[in-house]
C-alpha atoms as a PDB file:
ATOM      1  CA  MET A   1      -6.762  18.870 -11.247  1.00  0.00           C
ATOM      2  CA  PRO A   2      -7.369  15.430  -8.723  1.00  0.00           C
ATOM      3  CA  VAL A   3      -6.966  16.024  -5.363  1.00  0.00           C
ATOM      4  CA  ILE A   4      -5.786  13.066  -2.621  1.00  0.00           C
ATOM      5  CA  ASP A   5      -7.720  12.913   0.491  1.00  0.00           C
ATOM      6  CA  VAL A   6      -5.982  10.472   3.162  1.00  0.00           C
ATOM      7  CA  LEU A   7      -8.768   8.629   4.607  1.00  0.00           C
ATOM      8  CA  LEU A   8      -6.849   6.335   6.515  1.00  0.00           C
ATOM      9  CA  PRO A   9      -3.378   7.241   7.656  1.00  0.00           C
ATOM     10  CA  GLY A  10      -0.448   4.786   7.273  1.00  0.00           C
ATOM     11  CA  SER A  11       2.028   4.028  10.387  1.00  0.00           C
ATOM     12  CA  ASN A  12       4.955   2.275  10.823  1.00  0.00           C
ATOM     13  CA  VAL A  13       3.394   0.831  14.547  1.00  0.00           C
ATOM     14  CA  PHE A  14       4.556  -2.826  15.509  1.00  0.00           C
ATOM     15  CA  SER A  15       4.537  -4.774  18.778  1.00  0.00           C
ATOM     16  CA  ASP A  16       6.636  -7.893  19.958  1.00  0.00           C
ATOM     17  CA  SER A  17       2.578  -9.814  19.656  1.00  0.00           C
ATOM     18  CA  GLY A  18       2.502  -8.896  15.950  1.00  0.00           C
ATOM     19  CA  LEU A  19       1.968  -6.397  13.674  1.00  0.00           C
ATOM     20  CA  ALA A  20      -0.682  -3.554  13.607  1.00  0.00           C
ATOM     21  CA  ALA A  21      -0.274  -3.214   9.560  1.00  0.00           C
ATOM     22  CA  TRP A  22      -2.060   0.018   9.217  1.00  0.00           C
ATOM     23  CA  CYS A  23      -2.000   1.082   5.875  1.00  0.00           C
ATOM     24  CA  THR A  24      -2.843   3.797   3.770  1.00  0.00           C
ATOM     25  CA  VAL A  25      -6.177   4.283   2.558  1.00  0.00           C
ATOM     26  CA  ALA A  26      -6.177   7.380  -0.102  1.00  0.00           C
ATOM     27  CA  LEU A  27      -9.560   8.749  -2.067  1.00  0.00           C
ATOM     28  CA  VAL A  28      -8.585  10.194  -5.451  1.00  0.00           C
ATOM     29  CA  THR A  29     -11.308  12.577  -6.788  1.00  0.00           C
ATOM     30  CA  GLY A  30     -11.016  13.687 -10.034  1.00  0.00           C
ATOM     31  CA  ARG A  31     -14.131  12.933 -12.486  1.00  0.00           C
ATOM     32  CA  LYS A  32     -14.144   9.635 -10.725  1.00  0.00           C
ATOM     33  CA  ARG A  33     -13.690   8.707  -6.700  1.00  0.00           C
ATOM     34  CA  THR A  34     -10.740   6.497  -7.194  1.00  0.00           C
ATOM     35  CA  LEU A  35     -10.068   4.303  -3.775  1.00  0.00           C
ATOM     36  CA  VAL A  36      -6.281   3.027  -3.349  1.00  0.00           C
ATOM     37  CA  ASP A  37      -5.776   0.454  -0.951  1.00  0.00           C
ATOM     38  CA  VAL A  38      -8.716  -0.387   1.369  1.00  0.00           C
ATOM     39  CA  GLY A  39      -7.054  -1.823   4.402  1.00  0.00           C
ATOM     40  CA  HIS A  40      -7.694  -4.748   6.679  1.00  0.00           C
ATOM     41  CA  VAL A  41     -11.019  -5.862   8.237  1.00  0.00           C
ATOM     42  CA  GLY A  42      -9.540  -4.712  11.619  1.00  0.00           C
ATOM     43  CA  ARG A  43     -10.406  -1.139  10.292  1.00  0.00           C
ATOM     44  CA  ARG A  44     -13.637  -2.006   8.425  1.00  0.00           C
ATOM     45  CA  ILE A  45     -15.750   0.303  10.287  1.00  0.00           C
ATOM     46  CA  PHE A  46     -13.121   3.009  10.631  1.00  0.00           C
ATOM     47  CA  LEU A  47     -13.073   3.170   6.840  1.00  0.00           C
ATOM     48  CA  ILE A  48     -16.869   3.428   6.431  1.00  0.00           C
ATOM     49  CA  ASP A  49     -16.884   6.228   9.026  1.00  0.00           C
ATOM     50  CA  ALA A  50     -13.970   8.118   7.184  1.00  0.00           C
ATOM     51  CA  LEU A  51     -16.685   8.002   4.114  1.00  0.00           C
ATOM     52  CA  ARG A  52     -19.453   9.265   5.897  1.00  0.00           C
ATOM     53  CA  GLN A  53     -17.183  12.228   7.483  1.00  0.00           C
ATOM     54  CA  ARG A  54     -17.155  13.098   4.252  1.00  0.00           C
ATOM     55  CA  GLY A  55     -20.631  12.800   2.988  1.00  0.00           C
ATOM     56  CA  LEU A  56     -20.106   9.698   0.989  1.00  0.00           C
ATOM     57  CA  THR A  57     -21.453   5.630   1.174  1.00  0.00           C
ATOM     58  CA  PRO A  58     -19.387   2.903  -0.314  1.00  0.00           C
ATOM     59  CA  GLN A  59     -21.480   3.320  -3.076  1.00  0.00           C
ATOM     60  CA  ASP A  60     -20.139   6.543  -4.296  1.00  0.00           C
ATOM     61  CA  ILE A  61     -16.939   4.978  -4.619  1.00  0.00           C
ATOM     62  CA  ASP A  62     -16.032   4.482  -8.520  1.00  0.00           C
ATOM     63  CA  VAL A  63     -12.806   2.624  -8.871  1.00  0.00           C
ATOM     64  CA  VAL A  64     -10.487   0.562  -6.459  1.00  0.00           C
ATOM     65  CA  VAL A  65      -7.066  -0.100  -6.909  1.00  0.00           C
ATOM     66  CA  MET A  66      -5.284  -2.934  -5.495  1.00  0.00           C
ATOM     67  CA  SER A  67      -1.655  -1.770  -4.821  1.00  0.00           C
ATOM     68  CA  HIS A  68      -0.688  -5.227  -3.882  1.00  0.00           C
ATOM     69  CA  ALA A  69      -2.142  -8.497  -3.106  1.00  0.00           C
ATOM     70  CA  HIS A  70      -0.963  -8.611   0.596  1.00  0.00           C
ATOM     71  CA  TRP A  71      -3.873  -8.903   3.406  1.00  0.00           C
ATOM     72  CA  ASP A  72      -3.220  -5.412   5.179  1.00  0.00           C
ATOM     73  CA  HIS A  73      -4.257  -3.943   1.802  1.00  0.00           C
ATOM     74  CA  ASN A  74      -6.648  -5.617   1.072  1.00  0.00           C
ATOM     75  CA  GLN A  75      -9.032  -7.330   2.725  1.00  0.00           C
ATOM     76  CA  ASN A  76     -12.093  -4.505   2.702  1.00  0.00           C
ATOM     77  CA  PHE A  77     -12.718  -4.809  -1.890  1.00  0.00           C
ATOM     78  CA  ASP A  78     -16.291  -6.807  -0.991  1.00  0.00           C
ATOM     79  CA  VAL A  79     -17.430  -3.494   0.875  1.00  0.00           C
ATOM     80  CA  PHE A  80     -16.898  -2.254  -2.807  1.00  0.00           C
ATOM     81  CA  PRO A  81     -18.274  -4.463  -5.074  1.00  0.00           C
ATOM     82  CA  HIS A  82     -19.862  -2.769  -7.646  1.00  0.00           C
ATOM     83  CA  ALA A  83     -16.858  -0.525  -8.424  1.00  0.00           C
ATOM     84  CA  PRO A  84     -14.105  -2.113 -10.858  1.00  0.00           C
ATOM     85  CA  LEU A  85     -10.930  -3.338  -9.377  1.00  0.00           C
ATOM     86  CA  VAL A  86      -8.028  -2.348 -11.200  1.00  0.00           C
ATOM     87  CA  LEU A  87      -4.674  -4.822 -10.179  1.00  0.00           C
ATOM     88  CA  HIS A  88      -1.670  -5.489 -12.027  1.00  0.00           C
ATOM     89  CA  PRO A  89      -2.156  -8.751 -13.696  1.00  0.00           C
ATOM     90  CA  TRP A  90       1.551 -10.323 -12.553  1.00  0.00           C
ATOM     91  CA  GLU A  91       0.044  -9.668  -8.964  1.00  0.00           C
ATOM     92  CA  ARG A  92      -3.385 -11.485 -10.270  1.00  0.00           C
ATOM     93  CA  LYS A  93      -1.347 -14.461 -11.163  1.00  0.00           C
ATOM     94  CA  TYR A  94       0.961 -14.489  -8.148  1.00  0.00           C
ATOM     95  CA  ALA A  95      -2.303 -14.312  -5.609  1.00  0.00           C
ATOM     96  CA  ARG A  96      -3.332 -17.688  -7.243  1.00  0.00           C
ATOM     97  CA  LYS A  97      -0.142 -19.627  -6.222  1.00  0.00           C
ATOM     98  CA  PRO A  98       1.486 -17.582  -3.555  1.00  0.00           C
ATOM     99  CA  HIS A  99       5.011 -18.774  -2.475  1.00  0.00           C
ATOM    100  CA  ARG A 100       4.644 -21.150   0.620  1.00  0.00           C
ATOM    101  CA  ASN A 101       6.898 -18.671   2.628  1.00  0.00           C
ATOM    102  CA  ASP A 102       5.203 -15.719   1.403  1.00  0.00           C
ATOM    103  CA  TRP A 103       3.033 -14.830   4.808  1.00  0.00           C
ATOM    104  CA  ALA A 104       2.024 -11.726   3.629  1.00  0.00           C
ATOM    105  CA  THR A 105      -0.156 -13.196   0.756  1.00  0.00           C
ATOM    106  CA  PRO A 106      -2.605 -15.959   2.188  1.00  0.00           C
ATOM    107  CA  GLN A 107      -3.624 -18.650   0.247  1.00  0.00           C
ATOM    108  CA  TRP A 108      -7.221 -17.172  -0.001  1.00  0.00           C
ATOM    109  CA  SER A 109      -5.907 -14.276  -1.971  1.00  0.00           C
ATOM    110  CA  GLY A 110      -6.203 -15.330  -5.387  1.00  0.00           C
ATOM    111  CA  ALA A 111      -9.683 -16.712  -4.418  1.00  0.00           C
ATOM    112  CA  MET A 112     -11.236 -13.402  -2.554  1.00  0.00           C
ATOM    113  CA  ILE A 113     -10.068 -11.420  -6.020  1.00  0.00           C
ATOM    114  CA  GLU A 114     -11.338 -14.038  -8.255  1.00  0.00           C
ATOM    115  CA  SER A 115     -14.630 -13.274  -6.422  1.00  0.00           C
ATOM    116  CA  HIS A 116     -14.661  -9.906  -7.553  1.00  0.00           C
ATOM    117  CA  PRO A 117     -17.120  -9.100 -10.322  1.00  0.00           C
ATOM    118  CA  ASN A 118     -15.194  -6.635 -12.284  1.00  0.00           C
ATOM    119  CA  ILE A 119     -11.221  -6.610 -12.790  1.00  0.00           C
ATOM    120  CA  ILE A 120      -9.325  -4.680 -14.761  1.00  0.00           C
ATOM    121  CA  GLU A 121      -5.914  -5.361 -15.349  1.00  0.00           C
ATOM    122  CA  GLY A 122      -3.525  -2.120 -15.062  1.00  0.00           C
ATOM    123  CA  GLU A 123      -0.157  -2.316 -16.527  1.00  0.00           C
ATOM    124  CA  ASP A 124       2.274  -0.025 -16.642  1.00  0.00           C
ATOM    125  CA  GLY A 125       0.934   2.963 -18.010  1.00  0.00           C
ATOM    126  CA  TYR A 126      -2.952   2.099 -17.434  1.00  0.00           C
ATOM    127  CA  GLU A 127      -4.929   5.579 -17.331  1.00  0.00           C
ATOM    128  CA  ILE A 128      -7.611   5.593 -14.684  1.00  0.00           C
ATOM    129  CA  GLU A 129      -8.962   8.761 -15.749  1.00  0.00           C
ATOM    130  CA  PRO A 130      -6.886  12.158 -16.933  1.00  0.00           C
ATOM    131  CA  GLY A 131      -4.460  13.095 -14.438  1.00  0.00           C
ATOM    132  CA  ILE A 132      -4.341   9.552 -12.782  1.00  0.00           C
ATOM    133  CA  ARG A 133      -2.603   6.365 -14.057  1.00  0.00           C
ATOM    134  CA  VAL A 134      -0.376   3.554 -12.948  1.00  0.00           C
ATOM    135  CA  MET A 135       3.057   2.703 -13.126  1.00  0.00           C
ATOM    136  CA  HIS A 136       4.426  -0.670 -12.369  1.00  0.00           C
ATOM    137  CA  THR A 137       6.970  -1.002  -9.430  1.00  0.00           C
ATOM    138  CA  PRO A 138       7.677  -4.392  -8.515  1.00  0.00           C
ATOM    139  CA  GLY A 139      10.157  -5.611  -6.193  1.00  0.00           C
ATOM    140  CA  HIS A 140       7.851  -5.752  -2.972  1.00  0.00           C
ATOM    141  CA  SER A 141       5.739  -8.281  -4.499  1.00  0.00           C
ATOM    142  CA  PRO A 142       5.796  -9.268  -8.403  1.00  0.00           C
ATOM    143  CA  GLY A 143       2.319  -7.016  -9.729  1.00  0.00           C
ATOM    144  CA  SER A 144       3.101  -3.729  -6.970  1.00  0.00           C
ATOM    145  CA  ILE A 145       1.489  -0.860  -8.360  1.00  0.00           C
ATOM    146  CA  THR A 146       2.122   2.990  -7.782  1.00  0.00           C
ATOM    147  CA  VAL A 147      -0.772   5.529  -8.902  1.00  0.00           C
ATOM    148  CA  LEU A 148       0.544   8.545 -10.090  1.00  0.00           C
ATOM    149  CA  VAL A 149      -1.763  11.968  -9.756  1.00  0.00           C
ATOM    150  CA  GLU A 150      -1.229  15.192 -10.903  1.00  0.00           C
ATOM    151  CA  THR A 151      -2.239  17.406  -8.516  1.00  0.00           C
ATOM    152  CA  GLY A 152      -2.025  21.273  -8.103  1.00  0.00           C
ATOM    153  CA  ASP A 153       1.302  20.617  -5.494  1.00  0.00           C
ATOM    154  CA  GLY A 154       3.128  18.544  -8.245  1.00  0.00           C
ATOM    155  CA  LEU A 155       3.120  14.580  -9.264  1.00  0.00           C
ATOM    156  CA  ALA A 156       2.432  12.649  -6.078  1.00  0.00           C
ATOM    157  CA  ALA A 157       2.770   8.865  -5.893  1.00  0.00           C
ATOM    158  CA  ILE A 158       0.753   6.608  -3.860  1.00  0.00           C
ATOM    159  CA  THR A 159       3.144   3.873  -3.563  1.00  0.00           C
ATOM    160  CA  GLY A 160       1.671   1.063  -1.654  1.00  0.00           C
ATOM    161  CA  ASP A 161       4.723  -0.791  -0.346  1.00  0.00           C
ATOM    162  CA  VAL A 162       6.792  -0.269  -2.788  1.00  0.00           C
ATOM    163  CA  LEU A 163       7.737   2.882  -0.391  1.00  0.00           C
ATOM    164  CA  HIS A 164       6.788   1.958   3.182  1.00  0.00           C
ATOM    165  CA  PHE A 165       8.020   4.777   5.073  1.00  0.00           C
ATOM    166  CA  ALA A 166      10.248   7.922   4.604  1.00  0.00           C
ATOM    167  CA  THR A 167      13.297   6.359   5.605  1.00  0.00           C
ATOM    168  CA  ALA A 168      13.158   4.431   2.394  1.00  0.00           C
ATOM    169  CA  ALA A 169      13.351   6.790   0.618  1.00  0.00           C
ATOM    170  CA  LEU A 170      16.686   7.988   1.724  1.00  0.00           C
ATOM    171  CA  SER A 171      18.098   4.342   2.245  1.00  0.00           C
ATOM    172  CA  ARG A 172      16.861   3.279  -1.291  1.00  0.00           C
ATOM    173  CA  VAL A 173      16.043  -0.265   0.736  1.00  0.00           C
ATOM    174  CA  ASN A 174      12.983  -1.603   0.792  1.00  0.00           C
ATOM    175  CA  PRO A 175      12.486  -3.329   4.356  1.00  0.00           C
ATOM    176  CA  LEU A 176       9.896  -6.612   3.376  1.00  0.00           C
ATOM    177  CA  VAL A 177      11.047  -7.871   0.152  1.00  0.00           C
ATOM    178  CA  PHE A 178       9.053 -11.143  -1.266  1.00  0.00           C
ATOM    179  CA  TRP A 179       9.806 -10.953  -5.162  1.00  0.00           C
ATOM    180  CA  ASN A 180      12.735  -9.087  -5.801  1.00  0.00           C
ATOM    181  CA  PRO A 181      15.264  -6.954  -4.420  1.00  0.00           C
ATOM    182  CA  GLU A 182      16.883  -5.151  -7.077  1.00  0.00           C
ATOM    183  CA  GLN A 183      13.675  -4.442  -8.608  1.00  0.00           C
ATOM    184  CA  ALA A 184      12.371  -3.260  -5.113  1.00  0.00           C
ATOM    185  CA  THR A 185      15.390  -0.604  -5.182  1.00  0.00           C
ATOM    186  CA  LYS A 186      14.869   0.317  -9.066  1.00  0.00           C
ATOM    187  CA  SER A 187      11.338   0.966  -8.229  1.00  0.00           C
ATOM    188  CA  ILE A 188      11.913   3.276  -5.555  1.00  0.00           C
ATOM    189  CA  GLU A 189      14.381   5.432  -7.868  1.00  0.00           C
ATOM    190  CA  ARG A 190      12.136   5.494 -10.163  1.00  0.00           C
ATOM    191  CA  ILE A 191       9.426   6.531  -7.928  1.00  0.00           C
ATOM    192  CA  LEU A 192      11.862   9.327  -6.258  1.00  0.00           C
ATOM    193  CA  ASP A 193      13.167  10.130 -10.062  1.00  0.00           C
ATOM    194  CA  THR A 194       9.604  10.659 -11.330  1.00  0.00           C
ATOM    195  CA  THR A 195       7.439  12.582  -8.280  1.00  0.00           C
ATOM    196  CA  ASP A 196       7.228  15.608  -6.002  1.00  0.00           C
ATOM    197  CA  LEU A 197       5.308  13.952  -3.223  1.00  0.00           C
ATOM    198  CA  ILE A 198       4.856  10.977  -1.887  1.00  0.00           C
ATOM    199  CA  TYR A 199       1.914   8.668  -0.328  1.00  0.00           C
ATOM    200  CA  PRO A 200       3.420   6.117   1.754  1.00  0.00           C
ATOM    201  CA  GLY A 201       2.301   2.532   2.358  1.00  0.00           C
ATOM    202  CA  HIS A 202       2.848   2.918   5.942  1.00  0.00           C
ATOM    203  CA  ASP A 203       3.846   6.721   7.082  1.00  0.00           C
ATOM    204  CA  ARG A 204       2.830  10.145   6.252  1.00  0.00           C
ATOM    205  CA  PRO A 205       3.076  12.267   2.969  1.00  0.00           C
ATOM    206  CA  PHE A 206       6.169  13.569   2.517  1.00  0.00           C
ATOM    207  CA  ARG A 207       8.796  15.147   0.057  1.00  0.00           C
ATOM    208  CA  VAL A 208      12.386  14.612  -0.525  1.00  0.00           C
ATOM    209  CA  HIS A 209      14.868  17.370  -0.385  1.00  0.00           C
ATOM    210  CA  GLY A 210      18.329  15.878  -0.767  1.00  0.00           C
ATOM    211  CA  ASP A 211      19.440  13.914   1.891  1.00  0.00           C
ATOM    212  CA  ARG A 212      16.149  14.707   4.196  1.00  0.00           C
ATOM    213  CA  THR A 213      12.780  14.556   4.054  1.00  0.00           C
ATOM    214  CA  GLU A 214       9.977  16.582   4.869  1.00  0.00           C
ATOM    215  CA  TYR A 215       6.347  15.407   6.019  1.00  0.00           C
ATOM    216  CA  LEU A 216       3.427  17.438   4.966  1.00  0.00           C
ATOM    217  CA  VAL A 217       0.995  16.617   8.185  1.00  0.00           C
ATOM    218  CA  PRO A 218       1.542  16.294  11.931  1.00  0.00           C
ATOM    219  CA  PHE A 219       1.525  12.739  13.309  1.00  0.00           C
ATOM    220  CA  ARG A 220      -1.456  12.114  14.979  1.00  0.00           C
ATOM    221  CA  MET A 221      -2.683   8.790  17.011  1.00  0.00           C
ATOM    222  CA  SER A 222      -4.622   7.703  19.570  1.00  0.00           C
ATOM    223  CA  LEU A 223      -3.919   4.564  21.469  1.00  0.00           C
ATOM    224  CA  GLY A 224      -6.160   2.558  23.970  1.00  0.00           C
ATOM    225  CA  GLY A 225      -6.133  -0.351  26.454  1.00  0.00           C
ATOM    226  CA  ILE A 226      -2.495   0.628  27.608  1.00  0.00           C
ATOM    227  CA  THR A 227      -1.220   3.387  29.786  1.00  0.00           C
ATOM    228  CA  PRO A 228       2.547   4.480  29.921  1.00  0.00           C
ATOM    229  CA  GLU A 229       3.057   3.730  33.313  1.00  0.00           C
ATOM    230  CA  MET A 230       1.727  -0.156  32.966  1.00  0.00           C
ATOM    231  CA  ALA A 231       4.052  -3.031  34.658  1.00  0.00           C
ATOM    232  CA  GLY A 232       4.969  -4.827  32.055  1.00  0.00           C
ATOM    233  CA  LEU A 233       4.887  -2.304  28.780  1.00  0.00           C
ATOM    234  CA  ASN A 234       8.401  -1.489  26.968  1.00  0.00           C
ATOM    235  CA  TRP A 235       8.778   1.376  24.173  1.00  0.00           C
ATOM    236  CA  ASP A 236      11.257  -0.031  21.708  1.00  0.00           C
ATOM    237  CA  ALA A 237      12.523   1.320  18.624  1.00  0.00           C
ATOM    238  CA  GLY A 238      13.528  -1.327  16.791  1.00  0.00           C
ATOM    239  CA  TRP A 239      11.476  -4.250  15.173  1.00  0.00           C
ATOM    240  CA  PRO A 240      10.997  -7.546  16.781  1.00  0.00           C
ATOM    241  CA  ASP A 241      13.334 -10.155  16.788  1.00  0.00           C
ATOM    242  CA  ALA A 242      10.718 -11.842  14.446  1.00  0.00           C
ATOM    243  CA  VAL A 243      10.759  -9.858  11.497  1.00  0.00           C
ATOM    244  CA  GLN A 244      14.416  -8.233  11.230  1.00  0.00           C
ATOM    245  CA  MET A 245      14.706  -5.688   8.595  1.00  0.00           C
ATOM    246  CA  PRO A 246      15.590  -5.565   5.777  1.00  0.00           C
ATOM    247  CA  TRP A 247      13.829  -9.310   5.718  1.00  0.00           C
ATOM    248  CA  ILE A 248      14.123 -10.909   2.303  1.00  0.00           C
ATOM    249  CA  MET A 249      11.817 -14.077   1.722  1.00  0.00           C
ATOM    250  CA  PRO A 250      13.641 -16.986   1.876  1.00  0.00           C
ATOM    251  CA  GLY A 251      13.057 -19.202  -1.674  1.00  0.00           C
ATOM    252  CA  ILE A 252      13.065 -15.737  -3.432  1.00  0.00           C
ATOM    253  CA  ASP A 253      15.443 -17.133  -6.034  1.00  0.00           C
ATOM    254  CA  GLN A 254      12.862 -19.472  -7.220  1.00  0.00           C
ATOM    255  CA  GLN A 255      10.784 -17.173  -8.398  1.00  0.00           C
ATOM    256  CA  THR A 256      10.339 -16.036 -12.098  1.00  0.00           C
ATOM    257  CA  VAL A 257       7.748 -14.274 -14.282  1.00  0.00           C
ATOM    258  CA  GLU A 258       7.432 -17.504 -16.120  1.00  0.00           C
ATOM    259  CA  SER A 259       6.556 -18.898 -12.840  1.00  0.00           C
ATOM    260  CA  LEU A 260       3.556 -16.655 -12.379  1.00  0.00           C
ATOM    261  CA  GLY A 261       1.520 -19.061 -15.003  1.00  0.00           C
END
């Protein structure tokens, strides 16, 4: 059966100066080596080092999956130009002309994607290999996809930002919506109704037990450049004023599937 290995953990760390935006980067090893999301360029050397620690190089990756076209998930695809790039056709179309208020999909996203030499448009049900397939889970973005993996521990979902973190599994509310909030909730519910364990976009892997979640790994993080006693350092459990959650993109009602072109 395929095995999931988190190369880079997802995190919900933020500051009043901006979002760290560290997404989960997961390696699925079956007949092929499939990498789900690649992170932003601030994590590039850490991604390459994570592969090295496992005796791998970028050339050992057979398939790369783009869960969606947001900058924090996709900037390192050029490290793997030899590997087919799987993404949903709606996401590909949207990235060519993103909404003017979509700060997570820069205007250059489409050009970056189209520069890849081998693009595969993976719709709902697309099979990467036996035991690994795509589920179309729109809402956060039009072409957000979840990768379903049949593991020895049950059916796992690598969700990207369809499910950012464990609390969203309980609230059924996506904290950042750039496409459609109703579809975002339906996608969360579809994942929860279908799968046994979840690898979210910005949190640790977890299971859901009724009205509570159970993390599968402990939290680990080392921070540098700050110390607890540093003057002016404040610890804040809430999101910064600039991005109050849940956040729904202004102008979202202007978007339809037909508008993707």
